[in-house]
């Protein structure tokens, strides 16, 4: 049986992806924060020792609190440097993705439109996106597809933490609703199930036409 590892796979978008991959026969290792905390480098190293290889890897983690630049502490920078950047780098350096596999990065729309109220997320998600783009060329030689999914407003606990009145916010969106986690799960499933390989090194803006950027 083919294997998938979904980091942050116990709730929200991660769980939706885990469920979708399970539905097409993958043996899914869906981690919670207790099992793998990417802000804790020892937790990352322990995980890598136990999980040597996989067919599919989903890099997903929760986001930092809403803070503007001058309110970010030194400890905040260190913590989220590990959680959003260094932890993922260590996993990609040590974990083997089998030939013909997939790596999905669940990033954020802030990599395209940096948000001054989400400065930590904007900084580190953008930084790792650059690393992921560079690595996609190396992985392509082994027929491994790297797809960066950049969600906008999705119906998750994270969105409710950041937005005070979700119902009013939904009225401002082009589709008048939040995206559903299962839509992202079904997208990942369709890529894998249909063996779509040439879509690699790309960013998929999953935001219901909410963004203003062209590229």
C-alpha atoms as a PDB file:
ATOM      1  CA  UNK A   1       0.000   0.000   0.000  1.00  0.00           C
ATOM      2  CA  UNK A   2       1.261   3.484  -0.883  1.00  0.00           C
ATOM      3  CA  UNK A   3       1.963   5.846   1.983  1.00  0.00           C
ATOM      4  CA  UNK A   4       1.160   9.498   2.639  1.00  0.00           C
ATOM      5  CA  UNK A   5       2.385  11.698   5.471  1.00  0.00           C
ATOM      6  CA  UNK A   6       0.196  14.701   6.267  1.00  0.00           C
ATOM      7  CA  UNK A   7       1.765  17.076   8.758  1.00  0.00           C
ATOM      8  CA  UNK A   8      -0.913  18.849  10.756  1.00  0.00           C
ATOM      9  CA  UNK A   9      -3.358  16.251   9.512  1.00  0.00           C
ATOM     10  CA  UNK A  10      -5.619  16.037  12.552  1.00  0.00           C
ATOM     11  CA  UNK A  11      -7.912  18.981  11.805  1.00  0.00           C
ATOM     12  CA  UNK A  12      -8.898  21.602   9.238  1.00  0.00           C
ATOM     13  CA  UNK A  13      -7.335  21.434   5.800  1.00  0.00           C
ATOM     14  CA  UNK A  14      -4.847  18.784   6.890  1.00  0.00           C
ATOM     15  CA  UNK A  15      -7.592  16.438   8.031  1.00  0.00           C
ATOM     16  CA  UNK A  16      -9.546  17.018   4.821  1.00  0.00           C
ATOM     17  CA  UNK A  17      -6.473  16.042   2.808  1.00  0.00           C
ATOM     18  CA  UNK A  18      -5.842  13.013   5.032  1.00  0.00           C
ATOM     19  CA  UNK A  19      -9.417  11.822   4.587  1.00  0.00           C
ATOM     20  CA  UNK A  20      -9.302  12.307   0.823  1.00  0.00           C
ATOM     21  CA  UNK A  21      -6.064  10.358   0.429  1.00  0.00           C
ATOM     22  CA  UNK A  22      -7.380   7.584   2.683  1.00  0.00           C
ATOM     23  CA  UNK A  23     -10.456   7.328   0.458  1.00  0.00           C
ATOM     24  CA  UNK A  24      -8.274   6.351  -2.518  1.00  0.00           C
ATOM     25  CA  UNK A  25      -6.339   3.697  -0.644  1.00  0.00           C
ATOM     26  CA  UNK A  26      -3.340   5.484   0.844  1.00  0.00           C
ATOM     27  CA  UNK A  27      -1.964   4.494   4.220  1.00  0.00           C
ATOM     28  CA  UNK A  28      -2.013   7.954   5.800  1.00  0.00           C
ATOM     29  CA  UNK A  29       0.138   9.093   8.710  1.00  0.00           C
ATOM     30  CA  UNK A  30      -1.710  12.210   9.871  1.00  0.00           C
ATOM     31  CA  UNK A  31       0.216  13.989  12.599  1.00  0.00           C
ATOM     32  CA  UNK A  32      -1.146  16.212  15.333  1.00  0.00           C
ATOM     33  CA  UNK A  33       0.943  18.819  17.119  1.00  0.00           C
ATOM     34  CA  UNK A  34       1.551  16.338  19.955  1.00  0.00           C
ATOM     35  CA  UNK A  35       3.130  13.904  17.487  1.00  0.00           C
ATOM     36  CA  UNK A  36       5.067  16.454  15.462  1.00  0.00           C
ATOM     37  CA  UNK A  37       5.604  20.064  16.448  1.00  0.00           C
ATOM     38  CA  UNK A  38       7.655  21.737  13.714  1.00  0.00           C
ATOM     39  CA  UNK A  39       8.526  24.606  16.062  1.00  0.00           C
ATOM     40  CA  UNK A  40      10.414  22.060  18.212  1.00  0.00           C
ATOM     41  CA  UNK A  41      13.455  20.876  16.271  1.00  0.00           C
ATOM     42  CA  UNK A  42      13.931  17.861  18.539  1.00  0.00           C
ATOM     43  CA  UNK A  43      10.358  16.819  17.749  1.00  0.00           C
ATOM     44  CA  UNK A  44      11.205  17.132  14.049  1.00  0.00           C
ATOM     45  CA  UNK A  45      14.358  15.035  14.439  1.00  0.00           C
ATOM     46  CA  UNK A  46      12.495  12.337  16.366  1.00  0.00           C
ATOM     47  CA  UNK A  47       9.827  12.188  13.684  1.00  0.00           C
ATOM     48  CA  UNK A  48      12.385  11.843  10.901  1.00  0.00           C
ATOM     49  CA  UNK A  49      14.026   8.938  12.733  1.00  0.00           C
ATOM     50  CA  UNK A  50      10.711   7.073  12.761  1.00  0.00           C
ATOM     51  CA  UNK A  51       9.478   8.003   9.299  1.00  0.00           C
ATOM     52  CA  UNK A  52      12.130   7.292   6.681  1.00  0.00           C
ATOM     53  CA  UNK A  53      10.217   7.544   3.405  1.00  0.00           C
ATOM     54  CA  UNK A  54       6.841   8.181   1.845  1.00  0.00           C
ATOM     55  CA  UNK A  55       5.075   8.421  -1.502  1.00  0.00           C
ATOM     56  CA  UNK A  56       3.247  11.650  -0.666  1.00  0.00           C
ATOM     57  CA  UNK A  57       4.258  14.380   1.757  1.00  0.00           C
ATOM     58  CA  UNK A  58       1.937  17.209   2.770  1.00  0.00           C
ATOM     59  CA  UNK A  59       3.701  20.080   4.521  1.00  0.00           C
ATOM     60  CA  UNK A  60       1.076  21.818   6.610  1.00  0.00           C
ATOM     61  CA  UNK A  61       1.142  23.706   9.902  1.00  0.00           C
ATOM     62  CA  UNK A  62      -0.883  26.248  11.813  1.00  0.00           C
ATOM     63  CA  UNK A  63      -0.142  29.926  11.496  1.00  0.00           C
ATOM     64  CA  UNK A  64       1.160  32.545  13.929  1.00  0.00           C
ATOM     65  CA  UNK A  65      -1.046  35.031  15.764  1.00  0.00           C
ATOM     66  CA  UNK A  66      -1.976  38.273  14.036  1.00  0.00           C
ATOM     67  CA  UNK A  67       0.812  40.743  14.815  1.00  0.00           C
ATOM     68  CA  UNK A  68       2.249  43.788  13.121  1.00  0.00           C
ATOM     69  CA  UNK A  69       6.007  44.178  12.790  1.00  0.00           C
ATOM     70  CA  UNK A  70       6.745  46.273  15.882  1.00  0.00           C
ATOM     71  CA  UNK A  71       4.760  43.991  18.177  1.00  0.00           C
ATOM     72  CA  UNK A  72       6.682  40.833  17.202  1.00  0.00           C
ATOM     73  CA  UNK A  73       9.063  39.674  19.931  1.00  0.00           C
ATOM     74  CA  UNK A  74      12.430  38.042  19.442  1.00  0.00           C
ATOM     75  CA  UNK A  75      10.959  34.801  20.783  1.00  0.00           C
ATOM     76  CA  UNK A  76       8.145  35.017  18.224  1.00  0.00           C
ATOM     77  CA  UNK A  77      10.660  35.266  15.396  1.00  0.00           C
ATOM     78  CA  UNK A  78      12.638  32.275  16.686  1.00  0.00           C
ATOM     79  CA  UNK A  79       9.550  30.126  17.321  1.00  0.00           C
ATOM     80  CA  UNK A  80       7.955  30.657  13.917  1.00  0.00           C
ATOM     81  CA  UNK A  81      11.270  30.530  12.080  1.00  0.00           C
ATOM     82  CA  UNK A  82      11.355  26.909  13.208  1.00  0.00           C
ATOM     83  CA  UNK A  83       7.650  26.180  12.750  1.00  0.00           C
ATOM     84  CA  UNK A  84       7.163  27.692   9.293  1.00  0.00           C
ATOM     85  CA  UNK A  85      10.642  27.395   7.796  1.00  0.00           C
ATOM     86  CA  UNK A  86      13.472  25.439   9.415  1.00  0.00           C
ATOM     87  CA  UNK A  87      11.349  22.466  10.525  1.00  0.00           C
ATOM     88  CA  UNK A  88      10.119  21.926   6.971  1.00  0.00           C
ATOM     89  CA  UNK A  89      13.653  22.305   5.581  1.00  0.00           C
ATOM     90  CA  UNK A  90      14.960  19.577   7.906  1.00  0.00           C
ATOM     91  CA  UNK A  91      12.126  17.247   6.926  1.00  0.00           C
ATOM     92  CA  UNK A  92      12.857  17.686   3.209  1.00  0.00           C
ATOM     93  CA  UNK A  93      16.578  17.133   3.786  1.00  0.00           C
ATOM     94  CA  UNK A  94      16.117  13.864   5.668  1.00  0.00           C
ATOM     95  CA  UNK A  95      12.825  12.299   4.538  1.00  0.00           C
ATOM     96  CA  UNK A  96      12.935  10.335   1.281  1.00  0.00           C
ATOM     97  CA  UNK A  97      10.124  10.929  -1.194  1.00  0.00           C
ATOM     98  CA  UNK A  98       9.806   7.931  -3.479  1.00  0.00           C
ATOM     99  CA  UNK A  99      10.242   8.384  -7.224  1.00  0.00           C
ATOM    100  CA  UNK A 100       6.980   9.396  -8.874  1.00  0.00           C
ATOM    101  CA  UNK A 101       5.591  10.854  -5.654  1.00  0.00           C
ATOM    102  CA  UNK A 102       4.114  14.182  -4.645  1.00  0.00           C
ATOM    103  CA  UNK A 103       4.914  16.976  -2.219  1.00  0.00           C
ATOM    104  CA  UNK A 104       2.134  19.413  -1.393  1.00  0.00           C
ATOM    105  CA  UNK A 105       2.897  22.594   0.531  1.00  0.00           C
ATOM    106  CA  UNK A 106      -0.077  24.245   2.230  1.00  0.00           C
ATOM    107  CA  UNK A 107       1.092  27.840   2.464  1.00  0.00           C
ATOM    108  CA  UNK A 108      -1.138  30.932   2.435  1.00  0.00           C
ATOM    109  CA  UNK A 109      -2.385  33.721   0.218  1.00  0.00           C
ATOM    110  CA  UNK A 110       0.036  36.021   2.077  1.00  0.00           C
ATOM    111  CA  UNK A 111       2.878  34.684  -0.084  1.00  0.00           C
ATOM    112  CA  UNK A 112       1.270  36.644  -2.937  1.00  0.00           C
ATOM    113  CA  UNK A 113      -0.191  39.561  -0.994  1.00  0.00           C
ATOM    114  CA  UNK A 114       1.792  40.130   2.230  1.00  0.00           C
ATOM    115  CA  UNK A 115      -0.456  41.207   5.070  1.00  0.00           C
ATOM    116  CA  UNK A 116       0.968  43.793   7.519  1.00  0.00           C
ATOM    117  CA  UNK A 117      -1.195  42.307  10.284  1.00  0.00           C
ATOM    118  CA  UNK A 118       0.250  38.853   9.582  1.00  0.00           C
ATOM    119  CA  UNK A 119       3.877  39.863   9.217  1.00  0.00           C
ATOM    120  CA  UNK A 120       5.355  36.650  10.678  1.00  0.00           C
ATOM    121  CA  UNK A 121       3.358  34.406   8.376  1.00  0.00           C
ATOM    122  CA  UNK A 122       4.018  36.666   5.388  1.00  0.00           C
ATOM    123  CA  UNK A 123       7.770  36.555   5.998  1.00  0.00           C
ATOM    124  CA  UNK A 124       8.385  32.885   6.711  1.00  0.00           C
ATOM    125  CA  UNK A 125       5.836  31.368   4.351  1.00  0.00           C
ATOM    126  CA  UNK A 126       7.308  33.440   1.535  1.00  0.00           C
ATOM    127  CA  UNK A 127      10.816  32.343   2.490  1.00  0.00           C
ATOM    128  CA  UNK A 128       9.939  28.655   2.441  1.00  0.00           C
ATOM    129  CA  UNK A 129       8.052  29.100  -0.827  1.00  0.00           C
ATOM    130  CA  UNK A 130      11.347  30.164  -2.411  1.00  0.00           C
ATOM    131  CA  UNK A 131      13.102  27.050  -1.097  1.00  0.00           C
ATOM    132  CA  UNK A 132      10.239  24.863  -2.304  1.00  0.00           C
ATOM    133  CA  UNK A 133      10.397  26.383  -5.791  1.00  0.00           C
ATOM    134  CA  UNK A 134      14.139  25.749  -6.021  1.00  0.00           C
ATOM    135  CA  UNK A 135      13.763  22.149  -4.855  1.00  0.00           C
ATOM    136  CA  UNK A 136      10.950  21.445  -7.318  1.00  0.00           C
ATOM    137  CA  UNK A 137      13.506  21.351 -10.138  1.00  0.00           C
ATOM    138  CA  UNK A 138      15.599  18.708  -8.366  1.00  0.00           C
ATOM    139  CA  UNK A 139      12.556  16.613  -7.519  1.00  0.00           C
ATOM    140  CA  UNK A 140      11.300  16.853 -11.110  1.00  0.00           C
ATOM    141  CA  UNK A 141      14.259  14.727 -12.235  1.00  0.00           C
ATOM    142  CA  UNK A 142      12.707  11.892 -10.200  1.00  0.00           C
ATOM    143  CA  UNK A 143       9.170  12.554 -11.477  1.00  0.00           C
ATOM    144  CA  UNK A 144       8.141  14.015  -8.115  1.00  0.00           C
ATOM    145  CA  UNK A 145       5.629  16.828  -8.404  1.00  0.00           C
ATOM    146  CA  UNK A 146       5.793  19.803  -6.018  1.00  0.00           C
ATOM    147  CA  UNK A 147       2.587  21.812  -5.682  1.00  0.00           C
ATOM    148  CA  UNK A 148       2.204  24.863  -3.460  1.00  0.00           C
ATOM    149  CA  UNK A 149      -1.425  25.423  -2.451  1.00  0.00           C
ATOM    150  CA  UNK A 150      -1.983  28.978  -1.180  1.00  0.00           C
ATOM    151  CA  UNK A 151      -5.367  29.088   0.574  1.00  0.00           C
ATOM    152  CA  UNK A 152      -7.293  32.276   1.088  1.00  0.00           C
ATOM    153  CA  UNK A 153     -10.302  32.435   3.439  1.00  0.00           C
ATOM    154  CA  UNK A 154     -11.149  28.829   4.325  1.00  0.00           C
ATOM    155  CA  UNK A 155     -13.708  27.636   6.869  1.00  0.00           C
ATOM    156  CA  UNK A 156     -11.285  26.587   9.599  1.00  0.00           C
ATOM    157  CA  UNK A 157     -10.600  27.367  13.256  1.00  0.00           C
ATOM    158  CA  UNK A 158      -7.679  29.491  12.066  1.00  0.00           C
ATOM    159  CA  UNK A 159      -9.984  31.784  10.081  1.00  0.00           C
ATOM    160  CA  UNK A 160     -12.301  32.178  13.058  1.00  0.00           C
ATOM    161  CA  UNK A 161      -9.313  33.110  15.223  1.00  0.00           C
ATOM    162  CA  UNK A 162      -8.299  35.883  12.827  1.00  0.00           C
ATOM    163  CA  UNK A 163     -11.717  37.271  11.866  1.00  0.00           C
ATOM    164  CA  UNK A 164     -14.059  38.610  14.526  1.00  0.00           C
ATOM    165  CA  UNK A 165     -17.329  38.470  12.580  1.00  0.00           C
ATOM    166  CA  UNK A 166     -17.112  35.710   9.995  1.00  0.00           C
ATOM    167  CA  UNK A 167     -20.682  36.104   8.752  1.00  0.00           C
ATOM    168  CA  UNK A 168     -20.162  39.755   7.904  1.00  0.00           C
ATOM    169  CA  UNK A 169     -16.776  38.982   6.358  1.00  0.00           C
ATOM    170  CA  UNK A 170     -18.329  36.371   4.076  1.00  0.00           C
ATOM    171  CA  UNK A 171     -20.550  39.049   2.558  1.00  0.00           C
ATOM    172  CA  UNK A 172     -17.434  40.861   1.296  1.00  0.00           C
ATOM    173  CA  UNK A 173     -16.097  37.805  -0.562  1.00  0.00           C
ATOM    174  CA  UNK A 174     -16.724  37.269  -4.295  1.00  0.00           C
ATOM    175  CA  UNK A 175     -18.443  33.921  -3.650  1.00  0.00           C
ATOM    176  CA  UNK A 176     -20.142  35.191  -0.483  1.00  0.00           C
ATOM    177  CA  UNK A 177     -18.763  32.244   1.463  1.00  0.00           C
ATOM    178  CA  UNK A 178     -15.588  30.763   2.871  1.00  0.00           C
ATOM    179  CA  UNK A 179     -13.908  27.901   1.065  1.00  0.00           C
ATOM    180  CA  UNK A 180     -14.399  24.479   2.599  1.00  0.00           C
ATOM    181  CA  UNK A 181     -11.450  22.302   3.682  1.00  0.00           C
ATOM    182  CA  UNK A 182     -12.889  19.377   1.717  1.00  0.00           C
ATOM    183  CA  UNK A 183     -12.457  21.383  -1.492  1.00  0.00           C
ATOM    184  CA  UNK A 184      -8.706  21.427  -0.914  1.00  0.00           C
ATOM    185  CA  UNK A 185      -8.787  17.757   0.082  1.00  0.00           C
ATOM    186  CA  UNK A 186     -10.630  16.880  -3.126  1.00  0.00           C
ATOM    187  CA  UNK A 187      -8.177  18.935  -5.191  1.00  0.00           C
ATOM    188  CA  UNK A 188      -5.210  17.026  -3.765  1.00  0.00           C
ATOM    189  CA  UNK A 189      -7.029  13.731  -4.297  1.00  0.00           C
ATOM    190  CA  UNK A 190      -7.809  14.569  -7.932  1.00  0.00           C
ATOM    191  CA  UNK A 191      -4.164  15.390  -8.670  1.00  0.00           C
ATOM    192  CA  UNK A 192      -2.966  12.105  -7.180  1.00  0.00           C
ATOM    193  CA  UNK A 193      -5.805   9.919  -8.429  1.00  0.00           C
ATOM    194  CA  UNK A 194      -5.414  11.131 -12.019  1.00  0.00           C
ATOM    195  CA  UNK A 195      -1.603  10.894 -11.927  1.00  0.00           C
ATOM    196  CA  UNK A 196      -1.118  14.544 -12.906  1.00  0.00           C
ATOM    197  CA  UNK A 197       2.631  15.011 -12.873  1.00  0.00           C
ATOM    198  CA  UNK A 198       3.491  17.966 -15.121  1.00  0.00           C
ATOM    199  CA  UNK A 199       1.825  20.459 -12.785  1.00  0.00           C
ATOM    200  CA  UNK A 200       4.906  21.061 -10.679  1.00  0.00           C
ATOM    201  CA  UNK A 201       6.750  24.041  -9.260  1.00  0.00           C
ATOM    202  CA  UNK A 202       3.515  26.035  -9.263  1.00  0.00           C
ATOM    203  CA  UNK A 203       1.451  28.016  -6.765  1.00  0.00           C
ATOM    204  CA  UNK A 204      -2.280  27.295  -6.783  1.00  0.00           C
ATOM    205  CA  UNK A 205      -4.239  30.257  -5.417  1.00  0.00           C
ATOM    206  CA  UNK A 206      -7.163  28.672  -3.584  1.00  0.00           C
ATOM    207  CA  UNK A 207      -9.116  31.783  -2.666  1.00  0.00           C
ATOM    208  CA  UNK A 208     -12.447  31.930  -4.509  1.00  0.00           C
ATOM    209  CA  UNK A 209     -11.318  34.899  -6.679  1.00  0.00           C
ATOM    210  CA  UNK A 210     -10.694  36.979  -3.560  1.00  0.00           C
ATOM    211  CA  UNK A 211      -7.158  38.067  -4.443  1.00  0.00           C
ATOM    212  CA  UNK A 212      -6.221  41.051  -6.625  1.00  0.00           C
ATOM    213  CA  UNK A 213      -2.896  39.868  -8.022  1.00  0.00           C
ATOM    214  CA  UNK A 214      -2.548  38.571 -11.583  1.00  0.00           C
ATOM    215  CA  UNK A 215       0.410  36.190 -11.262  1.00  0.00           C
END
